[in-house]
Amino acid sequence: MKTLLLLYMGDETVTASAGTERVLTNMANAMVERGYNVIVATNDKTDAVPYFPFDARVHCLYLNVDTKKIPFSVKVKREINRIFPILDKPVEAYRASVSVRKLRE
């Protein structure tokens, strides 16, 4: 059985009722129906309840990144970026790096 890892690392959570979350859920459910072992990794808290229900065979990996305290240096970069937009969303970049570290674990 092939494994498919779907990453959802956006600013929103799977608890939202937007289009991206619906597409993620539909894709995960469709791929599990086709025989894939599907893992959905998201930045949500471990107790998050998806708005759109996943098939019971879809494994959800909640990385709990949104609750991590943002370091002071990242906050400074964010504030500088508000005046001089030269960086690409420092807070989101920091959360992405934390997500990558957790996925490697």
PDB file of N, CA and C in Angstrom:
ATOM      1  N   MET A   1       0.845  -1.178   0.000  1.00  0.00           N
ATOM      2  CA  MET A   1       0.000   0.000   0.000  1.00  0.00           C
ATOM      3  C   MET A   1       0.889   1.240   0.000  1.00  0.00           C
ATOM      4  N   LYS A   2       0.606   2.153  -0.898  1.00  0.00           N
ATOM      5  CA  LYS A   2       1.372   3.393  -0.992  1.00  0.00           C
ATOM      6  C   LYS A   2       0.909   4.366   0.086  1.00  0.00           C
ATOM      7  N   THR A   3       1.859   5.156   0.596  1.00  0.00           N
ATOM      8  CA  THR A   3       1.535   6.174   1.598  1.00  0.00           C
ATOM      9  C   THR A   3       1.552   7.537   0.943  1.00  0.00           C
ATOM     10  N   LEU A   4       0.567   8.347   1.282  1.00  0.00           N
ATOM     11  CA  LEU A   4       0.454   9.703   0.775  1.00  0.00           C
ATOM     12  C   LEU A   4       0.407  10.636   1.976  1.00  0.00           C
ATOM     13  N   LEU A   5       1.344  11.580   2.026  1.00  0.00           N
ATOM     14  CA  LEU A   5       1.393  12.556   3.108  1.00  0.00           C
ATOM     15  C   LEU A   5       0.905  13.893   2.576  1.00  0.00           C
ATOM     16  N   LEU A   6      -0.178  14.394   3.139  1.00  0.00           N
ATOM     17  CA  LEU A   6      -0.724  15.692   2.745  1.00  0.00           C
ATOM     18  C   LEU A   6      -0.383  16.692   3.842  1.00  0.00           C
ATOM     19  N   LEU A   7       0.293  17.749   3.463  1.00  0.00           N
ATOM     20  CA  LEU A   7       0.685  18.769   4.430  1.00  0.00           C
ATOM     21  C   LEU A   7      -0.255  19.955   4.324  1.00  0.00           C
ATOM     22  N   TYR A   8      -0.761  20.380   5.463  1.00  0.00           N
ATOM     23  CA  TYR A   8      -1.596  21.583   5.509  1.00  0.00           C
ATOM     24  C   TYR A   8      -0.958  22.526   6.512  1.00  0.00           C
ATOM     25  N   MET A   9      -0.170  23.454   6.012  1.00  0.00           N
ATOM     26  CA  MET A   9       0.625  24.329   6.865  1.00  0.00           C
ATOM     27  C   MET A   9       0.192  25.783   6.776  1.00  0.00           C
ATOM     28  N   GLY A  10      -1.042  26.024   6.404  1.00  0.00           N
ATOM     29  CA  GLY A  10      -1.504  27.395   6.257  1.00  0.00           C
ATOM     30  C   GLY A  10      -1.756  28.094   7.579  1.00  0.00           C
ATOM     31  N   ASP A  11      -2.126  29.359   7.502  1.00  0.00           N
ATOM     32  CA  ASP A  11      -2.428  30.137   8.694  1.00  0.00           C
ATOM     33  C   ASP A  11      -3.743  29.705   9.336  1.00  0.00           C
ATOM     34  N   GLU A  12      -4.645  29.209   8.544  1.00  0.00           N
ATOM     35  CA  GLU A  12      -5.922  28.748   9.083  1.00  0.00           C
ATOM     36  C   GLU A  12      -5.745  27.340   9.642  1.00  0.00           C
ATOM     37  N   THR A  13      -6.811  26.813  10.196  1.00  0.00           N
ATOM     38  CA  THR A  13      -6.746  25.471  10.751  1.00  0.00           C
ATOM     39  C   THR A  13      -7.762  24.589  10.047  1.00  0.00           C
ATOM     40  N   VAL A  14      -7.678  23.297  10.279  1.00  0.00           N
ATOM     41  CA  VAL A  14      -8.651  22.380   9.663  1.00  0.00           C
ATOM     42  C   VAL A  14     -10.027  22.535  10.289  1.00  0.00           C
ATOM     43  N   THR A  15     -10.126  23.346  11.334  1.00  0.00           N
ATOM     44  CA  THR A  15     -11.424  23.609  11.940  1.00  0.00           C
ATOM     45  C   THR A  15     -12.199  24.672  11.159  1.00  0.00           C
ATOM     46  N   ALA A  16     -11.547  25.328  10.207  1.00  0.00           N
ATOM     47  CA  ALA A  16     -12.196  26.368   9.406  1.00  0.00           C
ATOM     48  C   ALA A  16     -13.090  25.729   8.344  1.00  0.00           C
ATOM     49  N   SER A  17     -14.051  26.509   7.861  1.00  0.00           N
ATOM     50  CA  SER A  17     -14.999  25.995   6.871  1.00  0.00           C
ATOM     51  C   SER A  17     -14.740  26.570   5.487  1.00  0.00           C
ATOM     52  N   ALA A  18     -13.480  26.854   5.183  1.00  0.00           N
ATOM     53  CA  ALA A  18     -13.131  27.472   3.901  1.00  0.00           C
ATOM     54  C   ALA A  18     -12.860  26.413   2.828  1.00  0.00           C
ATOM     55  N   GLY A  19     -12.586  26.901   1.629  1.00  0.00           N
ATOM     56  CA  GLY A  19     -12.406  26.022   0.483  1.00  0.00           C
ATOM     57  C   GLY A  19     -11.169  25.143   0.548  1.00  0.00           C
ATOM     58  N   THR A  20     -10.068  25.689   1.051  1.00  0.00           N
ATOM     59  CA  THR A  20      -8.837  24.901   1.130  1.00  0.00           C
ATOM     60  C   THR A  20      -9.017  23.693   2.033  1.00  0.00           C
ATOM     61  N   GLU A  21      -9.685  23.893   3.155  1.00  0.00           N
ATOM     62  CA  GLU A  21      -9.915  22.798   4.093  1.00  0.00           C
ATOM     63  C   GLU A  21     -10.825  21.737   3.480  1.00  0.00           C
ATOM     64  N   ARG A  22     -11.803  22.196   2.699  1.00  0.00           N
ATOM     65  CA  ARG A  22     -12.710  21.248   2.039  1.00  0.00           C
ATOM     66  C   ARG A  22     -11.968  20.426   0.987  1.00  0.00           C
ATOM     67  N   VAL A  23     -11.110  21.077   0.216  1.00  0.00           N
ATOM     68  CA  VAL A  23     -10.331  20.371  -0.800  1.00  0.00           C
ATOM     69  C   VAL A  23      -9.390  19.366  -0.136  1.00  0.00           C
ATOM     70  N   LEU A  24      -8.748  19.772   0.954  1.00  0.00           N
ATOM     71  CA  LEU A  24      -7.851  18.865   1.686  1.00  0.00           C
ATOM     72  C   LEU A  24      -8.610  17.624   2.142  1.00  0.00           C
ATOM     73  N   THR A  25      -9.771  17.825   2.743  1.00  0.00           N
ATOM     74  CA  THR A  25     -10.570  16.702   3.240  1.00  0.00           C
ATOM     75  C   THR A  25     -11.041  15.812   2.096  1.00  0.00           C
ATOM     76  N   ASN A  26     -11.542  16.423   1.030  1.00  0.00           N
ATOM     77  CA  ASN A  26     -12.005  15.637  -0.125  1.00  0.00           C
ATOM     78  C   ASN A  26     -10.867  14.835  -0.742  1.00  0.00           C
ATOM     79  N   MET A  27      -9.683  15.456  -0.855  1.00  0.00           N
ATOM     80  CA  MET A  27      -8.541  14.759  -1.438  1.00  0.00           C
ATOM     81  C   MET A  27      -8.103  13.589  -0.551  1.00  0.00           C
ATOM     82  N   ALA A  28      -8.009  13.842   0.748  1.00  0.00           N
ATOM     83  CA  ALA A  28      -7.599  12.771   1.665  1.00  0.00           C
ATOM     84  C   ALA A  28      -8.585  11.611   1.616  1.00  0.00           C
ATOM     85  N   ASN A  29      -9.864  11.918   1.664  1.00  0.00           N
ATOM     86  CA  ASN A  29     -10.892  10.867   1.633  1.00  0.00           C
ATOM     87  C   ASN A  29     -10.891  10.113   0.306  1.00  0.00           C
ATOM     88  N   ALA A  30     -10.697  10.826  -0.804  1.00  0.00           N
ATOM     89  CA  ALA A  30     -10.672  10.170  -2.113  1.00  0.00           C
ATOM     90  C   ALA A  30      -9.457   9.260  -2.256  1.00  0.00           C
ATOM     91  N   MET A  31      -8.315   9.713  -1.749  1.00  0.00           N
ATOM     92  CA  MET A  31      -7.104   8.897  -1.883  1.00  0.00           C
ATOM     93  C   MET A  31      -7.160   7.656  -0.992  1.00  0.00           C
ATOM     94  N   VAL A  32      -7.782   7.757   0.171  1.00  0.00           N
ATOM     95  CA  VAL A  32      -7.915   6.578   1.025  1.00  0.00           C
ATOM     96  C   VAL A  32      -8.887   5.575   0.392  1.00  0.00           C
ATOM     97  N   GLU A  33      -9.871   6.073  -0.326  1.00  0.00           N
ATOM     98  CA  GLU A  33     -10.790   5.197  -1.052  1.00  0.00           C
ATOM     99  C   GLU A  33     -10.068   4.443  -2.168  1.00  0.00           C
ATOM    100  N   ARG A  34      -9.020   5.063  -2.714  1.00  0.00           N
ATOM    101  CA  ARG A  34      -8.249   4.439  -3.791  1.00  0.00           C
ATOM    102  C   ARG A  34      -7.163   3.501  -3.272  1.00  0.00           C
ATOM    103  N   GLY A  35      -7.114   3.311  -1.950  1.00  0.00           N
ATOM    104  CA  GLY A  35      -6.187   2.341  -1.384  1.00  0.00           C
ATOM    105  C   GLY A  35      -4.906   2.914  -0.809  1.00  0.00           C
ATOM    106  N   TYR A  36      -4.768   4.226  -0.779  1.00  0.00           N
ATOM    107  CA  TYR A  36      -3.574   4.842  -0.207  1.00  0.00           C
ATOM    108  C   TYR A  36      -3.670   4.896   1.308  1.00  0.00           C
ATOM    109  N   ASN A  37      -2.533   4.821   1.949  1.00  0.00           N
ATOM    110  CA  ASN A  37      -2.432   5.105   3.373  1.00  0.00           C
ATOM    111  C   ASN A  37      -2.194   6.612   3.472  1.00  0.00           C
ATOM    112  N   VAL A  38      -3.178   7.372   3.956  1.00  0.00           N
ATOM    113  CA  VAL A  38      -3.124   8.832   3.920  1.00  0.00           C
ATOM    114  C   VAL A  38      -2.838   9.389   5.318  1.00  0.00           C
ATOM    115  N   ILE A  39      -1.864  10.289   5.370  1.00  0.00           N
ATOM    116  CA  ILE A  39      -1.528  11.001   6.602  1.00  0.00           C
ATOM    117  C   ILE A  39      -1.675  12.489   6.308  1.00  0.00           C
ATOM    118  N   VAL A  40      -2.458  13.181   7.112  1.00  0.00           N
ATOM    119  CA  VAL A  40      -2.626  14.625   6.987  1.00  0.00           C
ATOM    120  C   VAL A  40      -1.883  15.268   8.154  1.00  0.00           C
ATOM    121  N   ALA A  41      -0.890  16.084   7.839  1.00  0.00           N
ATOM    122  CA  ALA A  41      -0.130  16.805   8.868  1.00  0.00           C
ATOM    123  C   ALA A  41      -0.558  18.266   8.847  1.00  0.00           C
ATOM    124  N   THR A  42      -0.895  18.785  10.011  1.00  0.00           N
ATOM    125  CA  THR A  42      -1.374  20.153  10.125  1.00  0.00           C
ATOM    126  C   THR A  42      -0.785  20.817  11.364  1.00  0.00           C
ATOM    127  N   ASN A  43      -0.749  22.135  11.366  1.00  0.00           N
ATOM    128  CA  ASN A  43      -0.195  22.893  12.489  1.00  0.00           C
ATOM    129  C   ASN A  43      -1.146  22.986  13.672  1.00  0.00           C
ATOM    130  N   ASP A  44      -2.320  22.423  13.561  1.00  0.00           N
ATOM    131  CA  ASP A  44      -3.348  22.563  14.584  1.00  0.00           C
ATOM    132  C   ASP A  44      -2.966  21.957  15.926  1.00  0.00           C
ATOM    133  N   LYS A  45      -3.758  22.349  16.930  1.00  0.00           N
ATOM    134  CA  LYS A  45      -3.622  21.764  18.266  1.00  0.00           C
ATOM    135  C   LYS A  45      -4.050  20.303  18.213  1.00  0.00           C
ATOM    136  N   THR A  46      -3.587  19.528  19.160  1.00  0.00           N
ATOM    137  CA  THR A  46      -3.887  18.095  19.162  1.00  0.00           C
ATOM    138  C   THR A  46      -5.362  17.786  19.372  1.00  0.00           C
ATOM    139  N   ASP A  47      -6.108  18.718  19.951  1.00  0.00           N
ATOM    140  CA  ASP A  47      -7.532  18.478  20.184  1.00  0.00           C
ATOM    141  C   ASP A  47      -8.427  19.110  19.121  1.00  0.00           C
ATOM    142  N   ALA A  48      -7.853  19.536  18.005  1.00  0.00           N
ATOM    143  CA  ALA A  48      -8.629  20.179  16.936  1.00  0.00           C
ATOM    144  C   ALA A  48      -9.603  19.181  16.308  1.00  0.00           C
ATOM    145  N   VAL A  49     -10.797  19.656  16.030  1.00  0.00           N
ATOM    146  CA  VAL A  49     -11.814  18.842  15.367  1.00  0.00           C
ATOM    147  C   VAL A  49     -12.057  19.439  13.986  1.00  0.00           C
ATOM    148  N   PRO A  50     -11.706  18.715  12.925  1.00  0.00           N
ATOM    149  CA  PRO A  50     -11.878  19.253  11.576  1.00  0.00           C
ATOM    150  C   PRO A  50     -13.331  19.601  11.276  1.00  0.00           C
ATOM    151  N   TYR A  51     -13.528  20.707  10.571  1.00  0.00           N
ATOM    152  CA  TYR A  51     -14.880  21.120  10.189  1.00  0.00           C
ATOM    153  C   TYR A  51     -15.484  20.115   9.214  1.00  0.00           C
ATOM    154  N   PHE A  52     -14.693  19.722   8.219  1.00  0.00           N
ATOM    155  CA  PHE A  52     -15.121  18.705   7.260  1.00  0.00           C
ATOM    156  C   PHE A  52     -14.563  17.367   7.744  1.00  0.00           C
ATOM    157  N   PRO A  53     -15.406  16.368   7.939  1.00  0.00           N
ATOM    158  CA  PRO A  53     -14.940  15.109   8.534  1.00  0.00           C
ATOM    159  C   PRO A  53     -14.047  14.296   7.592  1.00  0.00           C
ATOM    160  N   PHE A  54     -12.966  13.789   8.157  1.00  0.00           N
ATOM    161  CA  PHE A  54     -12.081  12.877   7.442  1.00  0.00           C
ATOM    162  C   PHE A  54     -12.622  11.463   7.569  1.00  0.00           C
ATOM    163  N   ASP A  55     -12.339  10.650   6.576  1.00  0.00           N
ATOM    164  CA  ASP A  55     -12.626   9.221   6.652  1.00  0.00           C
ATOM    165  C   ASP A  55     -11.862   8.657   7.856  1.00  0.00           C
ATOM    166  N   ALA A  56     -12.412   7.662   8.505  1.00  0.00           N
ATOM    167  CA  ALA A  56     -11.781   7.082   9.704  1.00  0.00           C
ATOM    168  C   ALA A  56     -10.408   6.485   9.390  1.00  0.00           C
ATOM    169  N   ARG A  57     -10.158   6.157   8.132  1.00  0.00           N
ATOM    170  CA  ARG A  57      -8.870   5.566   7.753  1.00  0.00           C
ATOM    171  C   ARG A  57      -7.775   6.612   7.512  1.00  0.00           C
ATOM    172  N   VAL A  58      -8.129   7.887   7.512  1.00  0.00           N
ATOM    173  CA  VAL A  58      -7.148   8.964   7.343  1.00  0.00           C
ATOM    174  C   VAL A  58      -6.495   9.235   8.694  1.00  0.00           C
ATOM    175  N   HIS A  59      -5.179   9.211   8.720  1.00  0.00           N
ATOM    176  CA  HIS A  59      -4.443   9.487   9.952  1.00  0.00           C
ATOM    177  C   HIS A  59      -4.129  10.978  10.006  1.00  0.00           C
ATOM    178  N   CYS A  60      -4.511  11.629  11.090  1.00  0.00           N
ATOM    179  CA  CYS A  60      -4.239  13.060  11.255  1.00  0.00           C
ATOM    180  C   CYS A  60      -3.100  13.249  12.244  1.00  0.00           C
ATOM    181  N   LEU A  61      -2.128  14.024  11.835  1.00  0.00           N
ATOM    182  CA  LEU A  61      -0.961  14.327  12.660  1.00  0.00           C
ATOM    183  C   LEU A  61      -1.009  15.807  13.004  1.00  0.00           C
ATOM    184  N   TYR A  62      -1.353  16.112  14.236  1.00  0.00           N
ATOM    185  CA  TYR A  62      -1.472  17.497  14.678  1.00  0.00           C
ATOM    186  C   TYR A  62      -0.152  17.923  15.318  1.00  0.00           C
ATOM    187  N   LEU A  63       0.531  18.869  14.691  1.00  0.00           N
ATOM    188  CA  LEU A  63       1.869  19.280  15.128  1.00  0.00           C
ATOM    189  C   LEU A  63       1.851  20.289  16.269  1.00  0.00           C
ATOM    190  N   ASN A  64       0.706  20.896  16.548  1.00  0.00           N
ATOM    191  CA  ASN A  64       0.559  21.813  17.676  1.00  0.00           C
ATOM    192  C   ASN A  64       1.548  22.973  17.603  1.00  0.00           C
ATOM    193  N   VAL A  65       1.727  23.534  16.427  1.00  0.00           N
ATOM    194  CA  VAL A  65       2.684  24.617  16.214  1.00  0.00           C
ATOM    195  C   VAL A  65       2.089  25.979  16.527  1.00  0.00           C
ATOM    196  N   ASP A  66       0.800  26.161  16.308  1.00  0.00           N
ATOM    197  CA  ASP A  66       0.168  27.466  16.503  1.00  0.00           C
ATOM    198  C   ASP A  66       0.267  27.970  17.935  1.00  0.00           C
ATOM    199  N   THR A  67       0.451  27.082  18.887  1.00  0.00           N
ATOM    200  CA  THR A  67       0.515  27.510  20.288  1.00  0.00           C
ATOM    201  C   THR A  67       1.941  27.828  20.737  1.00  0.00           C
ATOM    202  N   LYS A  68       2.923  27.586  19.883  1.00  0.00           N
ATOM    203  CA  LYS A  68       4.315  27.859  20.249  1.00  0.00           C
ATOM    204  C   LYS A  68       4.548  29.358  20.357  1.00  0.00           C
ATOM    205  N   LYS A  69       5.294  29.737  21.381  1.00  0.00           N
ATOM    206  CA  LYS A  69       5.611  31.152  21.579  1.00  0.00           C
ATOM    207  C   LYS A  69       6.597  31.599  20.503  1.00  0.00           C
ATOM    208  N   ILE A  70       6.307  32.744  19.923  1.00  0.00           N
ATOM    209  CA  ILE A  70       7.160  33.280  18.861  1.00  0.00           C
ATOM    210  C   ILE A  70       8.326  34.021  19.511  1.00  0.00           C
ATOM    211  N   PRO A  71       9.560  33.710  19.125  1.00  0.00           N
ATOM    212  CA  PRO A  71      10.734  34.369  19.721  1.00  0.00           C
ATOM    213  C   PRO A  71      10.734  35.878  19.458  1.00  0.00           C
ATOM    214  N   PHE A  72      11.364  36.603  20.351  1.00  0.00           N
ATOM    215  CA  PHE A  72      11.441  38.054  20.258  1.00  0.00           C
ATOM    216  C   PHE A  72      12.076  38.488  18.942  1.00  0.00           C
ATOM    217  N   SER A  73      13.125  37.788  18.502  1.00  0.00           N
ATOM    218  CA  SER A  73      13.806  38.163  17.258  1.00  0.00           C
ATOM    219  C   SER A  73      12.873  38.088  16.052  1.00  0.00           C
ATOM    220  N   VAL A  74      11.979  37.111  16.041  1.00  0.00           N
ATOM    221  CA  VAL A  74      11.015  36.977  14.941  1.00  0.00           C
ATOM    222  C   VAL A  74       9.990  38.108  15.005  1.00  0.00           C
ATOM    223  N   LYS A  75       9.596  38.480  16.216  1.00  0.00           N
ATOM    224  CA  LYS A  75       8.656  39.596  16.368  1.00  0.00           C
ATOM    225  C   LYS A  75       9.278  40.902  15.868  1.00  0.00           C
ATOM    226  N   VAL A  76      10.569  41.090  16.144  1.00  0.00           N
ATOM    227  CA  VAL A  76      11.264  42.291  15.665  1.00  0.00           C
ATOM    228  C   VAL A  76      11.295  42.293  14.136  1.00  0.00           C
ATOM    229  N   LYS A  77      11.610  41.153  13.545  1.00  0.00           N
ATOM    230  CA  LYS A  77      11.621  41.060  12.080  1.00  0.00           C
ATOM    231  C   LYS A  77      10.250  41.366  11.502  1.00  0.00           C
ATOM    232  N   ARG A  78       9.204  40.882  12.179  1.00  0.00           N
ATOM    233  CA  ARG A  78       7.837  41.140  11.715  1.00  0.00           C
ATOM    234  C   ARG A  78       7.536  42.639  11.723  1.00  0.00           C
ATOM    235  N   GLU A  79       7.926  43.315  12.793  1.00  0.00           N
ATOM    236  CA  GLU A  79       7.652  44.756  12.901  1.00  0.00           C
ATOM    237  C   GLU A  79       8.461  45.558  11.884  1.00  0.00           C
ATOM    238  N   ILE A  80       9.715  45.169  11.656  1.00  0.00           N
ATOM    239  CA  ILE A  80      10.529  45.833  10.629  1.00  0.00           C
ATOM    240  C   ILE A  80       9.903  45.606   9.257  1.00  0.00           C
ATOM    241  N   ASN A  81       9.409  44.401   9.053  1.00  0.00           N
ATOM    242  CA  ASN A  81       8.806  44.048   7.771  1.00  0.00           C
ATOM    243  C   ASN A  81       7.528  44.856   7.502  1.00  0.00           C
ATOM    244  N   ARG A  82       6.858  45.286   8.545  1.00  0.00           N
ATOM    245  CA  ARG A  82       5.663  46.104   8.359  1.00  0.00           C
ATOM    246  C   ARG A  82       6.013  47.474   7.787  1.00  0.00           C
ATOM    247  N   ILE A  83       7.193  47.971   8.137  1.00  0.00           N
ATOM    248  CA  ILE A  83       7.639  49.280   7.643  1.00  0.00           C
ATOM    249  C   ILE A  83       8.332  49.130   6.298  1.00  0.00           C
ATOM    250  N   PHE A  84       9.270  48.180   6.242  1.00  0.00           N
ATOM    251  CA  PHE A  84      10.029  47.903   5.021  1.00  0.00           C
ATOM    252  C   PHE A  84       9.764  46.458   4.611  1.00  0.00           C
ATOM    253  N   PRO A  85       8.802  46.220   3.748  1.00  0.00           N
ATOM    254  CA  PRO A  85       8.439  44.838   3.398  1.00  0.00           C
ATOM    255  C   PRO A  85       9.508  44.146   2.551  1.00  0.00           C
ATOM    256  N   ILE A  86      10.563  43.698   3.201  1.00  0.00           N
ATOM    257  CA  ILE A  86      11.657  43.027   2.504  1.00  0.00           C
ATOM    258  C   ILE A  86      11.719  41.541   2.836  1.00  0.00           C
ATOM    259  N   LEU A  87      11.072  41.135   3.913  1.00  0.00           N
ATOM    260  CA  LEU A  87      11.086  39.736   4.329  1.00  0.00           C
ATOM    261  C   LEU A  87       9.769  39.074   3.928  1.00  0.00           C
ATOM    262  N   ASP A  88       9.789  37.772   3.843  1.00  0.00           N
ATOM    263  CA  ASP A  88       8.589  37.046   3.452  1.00  0.00           C
ATOM    264  C   ASP A  88       7.904  36.462   4.684  1.00  0.00           C
ATOM    265  N   LYS A  89       7.059  37.243   5.339  1.00  0.00           N
ATOM    266  CA  LYS A  89       6.259  36.813   6.485  1.00  0.00           C
ATOM    267  C   LYS A  89       7.095  36.061   7.530  1.00  0.00           C
ATOM    268  N   PRO A  90       7.836  36.772   8.361  1.00  0.00           N
ATOM    269  CA  PRO A  90       8.729  36.134   9.337  1.00  0.00           C
ATOM    270  C   PRO A  90       8.044  35.158  10.294  1.00  0.00           C
ATOM    271  N   VAL A  91       6.839  35.474  10.756  1.00  0.00           N
ATOM    272  CA  VAL A  91       6.148  34.586  11.700  1.00  0.00           C
ATOM    273  C   VAL A  91       5.790  33.269  11.016  1.00  0.00           C
ATOM    274  N   GLU A  92       5.277  33.345   9.809  1.00  0.00           N
ATOM    275  CA  GLU A  92       4.911  32.132   9.082  1.00  0.00           C
ATOM    276  C   GLU A  92       6.151  31.299   8.747  1.00  0.00           C
ATOM    277  N   ALA A  93       7.254  31.979   8.403  1.00  0.00           N
ATOM    278  CA  ALA A  93       8.503  31.259   8.119  1.00  0.00           C
ATOM    279  C   ALA A  93       9.000  30.545   9.366  1.00  0.00           C
ATOM    280  N   TYR A  94       8.879  31.191  10.517  1.00  0.00           N
ATOM    281  CA  TYR A  94       9.298  30.555  11.776  1.00  0.00           C
ATOM    282  C   TYR A  94       8.430  29.330  12.065  1.00  0.00           C
ATOM    283  N   ARG A  95       7.111  29.488  11.921  1.00  0.00           N
ATOM    284  CA  ARG A  95       6.218  28.353  12.174  1.00  0.00           C
ATOM    285  C   ARG A  95       6.483  27.204  11.210  1.00  0.00           C
ATOM    286  N   ALA A  96       6.801  27.525   9.970  1.00  0.00           N
ATOM    287  CA  ALA A  96       7.125  26.480   8.989  1.00  0.00           C
ATOM    288  C   ALA A  96       8.383  25.730   9.409  1.00  0.00           C
ATOM    289  N   SER A  97       9.393  26.450   9.909  1.00  0.00           N
ATOM    290  CA  SER A  97      10.627  25.775  10.340  1.00  0.00           C
ATOM    291  C   SER A  97      10.365  24.885  11.549  1.00  0.00           C
ATOM    292  N   VAL A  98       9.486  25.322  12.461  1.00  0.00           N
ATOM    293  CA  VAL A  98       9.130  24.484  13.610  1.00  0.00           C
ATOM    294  C   VAL A  98       8.377  23.233  13.131  1.00  0.00           C
ATOM    295  N   SER A  99       7.491  23.421  12.159  1.00  0.00           N
ATOM    296  CA  SER A  99       6.745  22.289  11.600  1.00  0.00           C
ATOM    297  C   SER A  99       7.677  21.257  10.974  1.00  0.00           C
ATOM    298  N   VAL A 100       8.677  21.741  10.245  1.00  0.00           N
ATOM    299  CA  VAL A 100       9.639  20.837   9.605  1.00  0.00           C
ATOM    300  C   VAL A 100      10.397  20.039  10.653  1.00  0.00           C
ATOM    301  N   ARG A 101      10.818  20.705  11.716  1.00  0.00           N
ATOM    302  CA  ARG A 101      11.536  19.995  12.794  1.00  0.00           C
ATOM    303  C   ARG A 101      10.659  18.922  13.414  1.00  0.00           C
ATOM    304  N   LYS A 102       9.390  19.248  13.653  1.00  0.00           N
ATOM    305  CA  LYS A 102       8.478  18.268  14.256  1.00  0.00           C
ATOM    306  C   LYS A 102       8.211  17.103  13.308  1.00  0.00           C
ATOM    307  N   LEU A 103       8.101  17.380  12.015  1.00  0.00           N
ATOM    308  CA  LEU A 103       7.878  16.307  11.047  1.00  0.00           C
ATOM    309  C   LEU A 103       9.088  15.367  10.987  1.00  0.00           C
ATOM    310  N   ARG A 104      10.267  15.917  11.113  1.00  0.00           N
ATOM    311  CA  ARG A 104      11.464  15.070  11.094  1.00  0.00           C
ATOM    312  C   ARG A 104      11.528  14.138  12.286  1.00  0.00           C
ATOM    313  N   GLU A 105      10.953  14.579  13.406  1.00  0.00           N
ATOM    314  CA  GLU A 105      10.908  13.723  14.606  1.00  0.00           C
ATOM    315  C   GLU A 105      10.057  12.497  14.324  1.00  0.00           C
TER     316      GLU A 105
END
